[in-house]
Amino acid sequence: MPVFGVIPATPSSSQQFTITVGAPNYQALSAAATLQGNSINVVLMGVPVFFVPAPPTSCSTTAPVGPLPAGIYTVVLSVVDPSSPPAPPTFIASSTLTVTGLMARISYQVLPSAPSSLEAVRLRTTFSGGEAVCYYDGLRSMSGNKITVTLICFSNLFGLPSMLFDVDLGRFPPGDYTMEVVSSDTKEILFSTAFSVTDPHAGSHFPFNYPAVDYTDHWWNAQESGWGISIMQHPSDRLFAVWFVYNQSGQPVWYTLQGSWITPAQFTGPVYRTMGPYFGGLFDPSQVGITQVGTGTLYFPDANSGRFSYTVEGVSGTKLITRLPF
């Protein structure tokens, strides 16, 4: 009984593939493949032999096929005996074949999968070394609750290996959103999905002790250039601030402020000084030292200005700060 296979087993739409046929009871084999709709008809021609085994050098053949558009096809194998009067091919076997598209090895994810309000949402595109590769062409748009990202895609002529890249979608208020990825050339929708942004403070009651603004930025006083405060605020509402200034000897020193929100606009906590080993040598954890040297409070009357009050190393004071423009 003839048997057949496909090499590669899952061809892509840009690939020619081969149908191999083995027929141990035939010799002088040849095969021809034709496409009719989504049916690939493979007709095997050969002379049957009535002894087993058949000559090992004359019991297999191949038929090239494609490239074909992406889709699901049925491979139908039949046989014709050329020594007999013309007759319809005799059905032998059939199988299903999937031809993948150029984009089959490109996948997309919205990260994080369940974002909260004020949390950065990103699109991750992963390329797994297939026949096509896509890059971000700088176009993003939003209409209502629908986000559209445009990618430029082309054949992977240079055999680029697996890679990935992220694109920022933004920070969104609580709600339901849809996101689609579109090809810049064909305008084809390559991917679409939906995600929801949750409110971690849903159900909270007065008094509120969490911020309504993201204060992440570099802050300074334009009249006192040379020192500043770098603030990193996490969507969990935790805040980490670094105050970089100079000591009495004019040497740079860094302090960190870590604490909690008292009101939506006021954050207070202990101030620490951290010491450690020289960055150019081997890291020695025994040289790391963290010492509380005072307390500090950040107050923000609006989204772009603030006041830093402190008592550090026995010195108290207040500094006005604004976001550093770039």
Foldseek 3Di string as FASTA:
>chain_A
DKDWAKVPQAAALVDKIKIKIFAQQWFPKDWEWDDDPQEIEIEIETAGHDDPRHDPVGGMYMYIDDSDHFDKHKYWYFYDYVVDPDDDTHTDDMDIYGHHYQCPQKDKDWPPQAAAAPAWIKIKIKGAQGQKDKDFPPDWDDDDQEIEGEIEMDTPPVRDHIDMDMDTPGGDHFDKHKYWYAYPVPRDTPDIDIGTYHYPCPPPDPPDQAAPAFLAAWKDDPVDPDWTKGWDAHPVRWIKIKTWDADPVRHIFIKIFGAGGPHNFKTKGWIKGWFADDPVDDGDVVGIDIDTFWMKMWGDPDNFKIKIWIQGNNDTDMDIIGGDDD
